Amino acid sequence: MSIPVDPGQLETELEQFGYSAFLLTVRDDETSHVAHMTFRFENDSLYCPLSKTAARNVEKRSKVVVLWPPHETDGYSMIVDADCVIEGEELKVTPRSGVLHRPAAPEAPNELDCGSDCAPLGA
């Protein structure tokens, strides 16, 4: 379940999740490319060093996802949808939406609505 959120909360969430995350781009064959990156936050955007493959993918398909895995079992992951461009020697990732997400509670594995198991950024 996705809950649209204000990307303005990202800087606050980075205090908990940190600056190391996975950048997901799409290759020419429409498969995912996953790169583990270290980001910095500036002016409401994330920046990371250029990766040849990610840069090549972003030139053709600028929509990306940044994923922070949970720190603990059954904890929240942070997933951010973003636009990405090459800016100098870095990739500039501009968040558009995000969600804090974890698996549905074991007592309700078949429910489509995860209820309290999903929380918007900043919650």
C-alpha atoms as a PDB file:
ATOM      1  CA  MET A   1       0.000   0.000   0.000  1.00  0.00           C
ATOM      2  CA  SER A   2       1.339   3.435  -0.915  1.00  0.00           C
ATOM      3  CA  ILE A   3       0.419   6.574   0.937  1.00  0.00           C
ATOM      4  CA  PRO A   4       1.399   9.819  -0.837  1.00  0.00           C
ATOM      5  CA  VAL A   5       3.576  11.960   1.419  1.00  0.00           C
ATOM      6  CA  ASP A   6       5.181  15.356   1.445  1.00  0.00           C
ATOM      7  CA  PRO A   7       8.851  14.978   0.428  1.00  0.00           C
ATOM      8  CA  GLY A   8       9.556  17.915   2.744  1.00  0.00           C
ATOM      9  CA  GLN A   9       9.774  15.373   5.595  1.00  0.00           C
ATOM     10  CA  LEU A  10      12.689  13.497   3.995  1.00  0.00           C
ATOM     11  CA  GLU A  11      15.437  15.406   5.760  1.00  0.00           C
ATOM     12  CA  THR A  12      13.904  14.517   9.140  1.00  0.00           C
ATOM     13  CA  GLU A  13      13.588  10.833   8.173  1.00  0.00           C
ATOM     14  CA  LEU A  14      17.240  10.740   7.073  1.00  0.00           C
ATOM     15  CA  GLU A  15      18.226  11.314  10.713  1.00  0.00           C
ATOM     16  CA  GLN A  16      16.810   7.835  11.439  1.00  0.00           C
ATOM     17  CA  PHE A  17      17.496   5.997   8.161  1.00  0.00           C
ATOM     18  CA  GLY A  18      20.896   7.482   7.350  1.00  0.00           C
ATOM     19  CA  TYR A  19      22.428   8.475   4.035  1.00  0.00           C
ATOM     20  CA  SER A  20      23.245   5.044   2.636  1.00  0.00           C
ATOM     21  CA  ALA A  21      20.495   3.599   0.415  1.00  0.00           C
ATOM     22  CA  PHE A  22      19.769   1.730  -2.805  1.00  0.00           C
ATOM     23  CA  LEU A  23      19.181   3.668  -6.034  1.00  0.00           C
ATOM     24  CA  LEU A  24      16.965   1.766  -8.487  1.00  0.00           C
ATOM     25  CA  THR A  25      17.048   2.731 -12.157  1.00  0.00           C
ATOM     26  CA  VAL A  26      15.769   0.976 -15.300  1.00  0.00           C
ATOM     27  CA  ARG A  27      18.055  -0.440 -18.015  1.00  0.00           C
ATOM     28  CA  ASP A  28      17.391  -0.499 -21.767  1.00  0.00           C
ATOM     29  CA  ASP A  29      16.065  -4.066 -21.480  1.00  0.00           C
ATOM     30  CA  GLU A  30      13.557  -2.786 -18.874  1.00  0.00           C
ATOM     31  CA  THR A  31      15.179  -4.656 -15.991  1.00  0.00           C
ATOM     32  CA  SER A  32      16.156  -3.006 -12.738  1.00  0.00           C
ATOM     33  CA  HIS A  33      19.624  -1.794 -11.914  1.00  0.00           C
ATOM     34  CA  VAL A  34      20.289  -1.490  -8.174  1.00  0.00           C
ATOM     35  CA  ALA A  35      23.243   0.516  -6.890  1.00  0.00           C
ATOM     36  CA  HIS A  36      24.186   1.011  -3.240  1.00  0.00           C
ATOM     37  CA  MET A  37      24.931   4.718  -2.864  1.00  0.00           C
ATOM     38  CA  THR A  38      25.867   7.225  -0.204  1.00  0.00           C
ATOM     39  CA  PHE A  39      23.742  10.337  -0.536  1.00  0.00           C
ATOM     40  CA  ARG A  40      23.940  13.867   0.758  1.00  0.00           C
ATOM     41  CA  PHE A  41      20.901  16.104   1.229  1.00  0.00           C
ATOM     42  CA  GLU A  42      20.896  19.692  -0.046  1.00  0.00           C
ATOM     43  CA  ASN A  43      18.108  22.061  -1.104  1.00  0.00           C
ATOM     44  CA  ASP A  44      15.374  19.391  -0.880  1.00  0.00           C
ATOM     45  CA  SER A  45      17.281  16.987  -3.148  1.00  0.00           C
ATOM     46  CA  LEU A  46      19.577  13.997  -2.671  1.00  0.00           C
ATOM     47  CA  TYR A  47      22.960  13.873  -4.396  1.00  0.00           C
ATOM     48  CA  CYS A  48      25.245  10.895  -4.958  1.00  0.00           C
ATOM     49  CA  PRO A  49      28.369  10.162  -6.999  1.00  0.00           C
ATOM     50  CA  LEU A  50      27.950   9.191 -10.635  1.00  0.00           C
ATOM     51  CA  SER A  51      27.680   5.527 -11.438  1.00  0.00           C
ATOM     52  CA  LYS A  52      28.224   4.739 -15.137  1.00  0.00           C
ATOM     53  CA  THR A  53      25.246   2.412 -15.374  1.00  0.00           C
ATOM     54  CA  ALA A  54      22.896   4.573 -13.316  1.00  0.00           C
ATOM     55  CA  ALA A  55      23.900   7.682 -15.308  1.00  0.00           C
ATOM     56  CA  ARG A  56      23.293   5.894 -18.611  1.00  0.00           C
ATOM     57  CA  ASN A  57      19.882   4.705 -17.390  1.00  0.00           C
ATOM     58  CA  VAL A  58      18.867   8.122 -16.048  1.00  0.00           C
ATOM     59  CA  GLU A  59      19.702   9.821 -19.347  1.00  0.00           C
ATOM     60  CA  LYS A  60      16.894   7.798 -20.977  1.00  0.00           C
ATOM     61  CA  ARG A  61      14.558   7.189 -18.025  1.00  0.00           C
ATOM     62  CA  SER A  62      14.722   9.829 -15.323  1.00  0.00           C
ATOM     63  CA  LYS A  63      12.229   8.219 -12.904  1.00  0.00           C
ATOM     64  CA  VAL A  64      14.038   6.392 -10.075  1.00  0.00           C
ATOM     65  CA  VAL A  65      13.356   4.843  -6.675  1.00  0.00           C
ATOM     66  CA  VAL A  66      15.527   5.183  -3.576  1.00  0.00           C
ATOM     67  CA  LEU A  67      15.118   2.445  -0.963  1.00  0.00           C
ATOM     68  CA  TRP A  68      16.296   2.406   2.635  1.00  0.00           C
ATOM     69  CA  PRO A  69      15.857  -1.099   4.114  1.00  0.00           C
ATOM     70  CA  PRO A  70      14.629  -1.484   7.690  1.00  0.00           C
ATOM     71  CA  HIS A  71      17.144  -1.465  10.529  1.00  0.00           C
ATOM     72  CA  GLU A  72      15.329  -4.168  12.475  1.00  0.00           C
ATOM     73  CA  THR A  73      13.194  -7.223  11.720  1.00  0.00           C
ATOM     74  CA  ASP A  74       9.657  -6.147  10.835  1.00  0.00           C
ATOM     75  CA  GLY A  75      10.793  -2.505  10.860  1.00  0.00           C
ATOM     76  CA  TYR A  76       9.883   0.116   8.320  1.00  0.00           C
ATOM     77  CA  SER A  77      11.578   0.535   4.953  1.00  0.00           C
ATOM     78  CA  MET A  78      11.582   3.989   3.416  1.00  0.00           C
ATOM     79  CA  ILE A  79      10.771   4.102  -0.299  1.00  0.00           C
ATOM     80  CA  VAL A  80      11.049   7.348  -2.245  1.00  0.00           C
ATOM     81  CA  ASP A  81       9.945   7.900  -5.864  1.00  0.00           C
ATOM     82  CA  ALA A  82      12.007  10.600  -7.531  1.00  0.00           C
ATOM     83  CA  ASP A  83      13.223  12.302 -10.671  1.00  0.00           C
ATOM     84  CA  CYS A  84      16.940  12.040 -11.377  1.00  0.00           C
ATOM     85  CA  VAL A  85      19.311  14.055 -13.562  1.00  0.00           C
ATOM     86  CA  ILE A  86      23.046  14.234 -14.043  1.00  0.00           C
ATOM     87  CA  GLU A  87      24.425  17.398 -12.483  1.00  0.00           C
ATOM     88  CA  GLY A  88      28.158  17.786 -12.906  1.00  0.00           C
ATOM     89  CA  GLU A  89      29.886  14.778 -11.351  1.00  0.00           C
ATOM     90  CA  GLU A  90      26.809  13.732  -9.374  1.00  0.00           C
ATOM     91  CA  LEU A  91      23.307  12.402  -9.768  1.00  0.00           C
ATOM     92  CA  LYS A  92      20.671  14.803  -8.447  1.00  0.00           C
ATOM     93  CA  VAL A  93      17.638  12.948  -7.090  1.00  0.00           C
ATOM     94  CA  THR A  94      14.535  15.098  -6.516  1.00  0.00           C
ATOM     95  CA  PRO A  95      11.942  13.314  -4.355  1.00  0.00           C
ATOM     96  CA  ARG A  96       8.318  13.348  -5.578  1.00  0.00           C
ATOM     97  CA  SER A  97       6.668  11.027  -3.042  1.00  0.00           C
ATOM     98  CA  GLY A  98       7.605   8.547  -0.389  1.00  0.00           C
ATOM     99  CA  VAL A  99       6.297   6.008   2.059  1.00  0.00           C
ATOM    100  CA  LEU A 100       7.367   4.209   5.181  1.00  0.00           C
ATOM    101  CA  HIS A 101       6.377   0.583   4.669  1.00  0.00           C
ATOM    102  CA  ARG A 102       6.615  -2.748   6.449  1.00  0.00           C
ATOM    103  CA  PRO A 103       4.987  -6.154   5.860  1.00  0.00           C
ATOM    104  CA  ALA A 104       1.389  -6.637   6.937  1.00  0.00           C
ATOM    105  CA  ALA A 105       0.902  -7.888  10.466  1.00  0.00           C
ATOM    106  CA  PRO A 106       1.027 -11.722  10.651  1.00  0.00           C
ATOM    107  CA  GLU A 107      -2.541 -11.880  11.969  1.00  0.00           C
ATOM    108  CA  ALA A 108      -3.848 -10.231   8.777  1.00  0.00           C
ATOM    109  CA  PRO A 109      -1.710 -11.643   5.911  1.00  0.00           C
ATOM    110  CA  ASN A 110      -4.508 -11.610   3.303  1.00  0.00           C
ATOM    111  CA  GLU A 111      -5.810  -8.106   3.892  1.00  0.00           C
ATOM    112  CA  LEU A 112      -5.227  -5.667   1.035  1.00  0.00           C
ATOM    113  CA  ASP A 113      -5.264  -2.654   3.338  1.00  0.00           C
ATOM    114  CA  CYS A 114      -2.235  -2.768   5.619  1.00  0.00           C
ATOM    115  CA  GLY A 115      -3.805  -0.241   7.974  1.00  0.00           C
ATOM    116  CA  SER A 116      -1.329   0.721  10.666  1.00  0.00           C
ATOM    117  CA  ASP A 117       1.479  -1.230   8.952  1.00  0.00           C
ATOM    118  CA  CYS A 118       2.123   1.669   6.560  1.00  0.00           C
ATOM    119  CA  ALA A 119       2.920   5.173   7.699  1.00  0.00           C
ATOM    120  CA  PRO A 120       3.579   8.372   5.784  1.00  0.00           C
ATOM    121  CA  LEU A 121       6.990  10.009   6.114  1.00  0.00           C
ATOM    122  CA  GLY A 122       7.238  12.013   9.295  1.00  0.00           C
ATOM    123  CA  ALA A 123       4.761   9.843  11.197  1.00  0.00           C
END
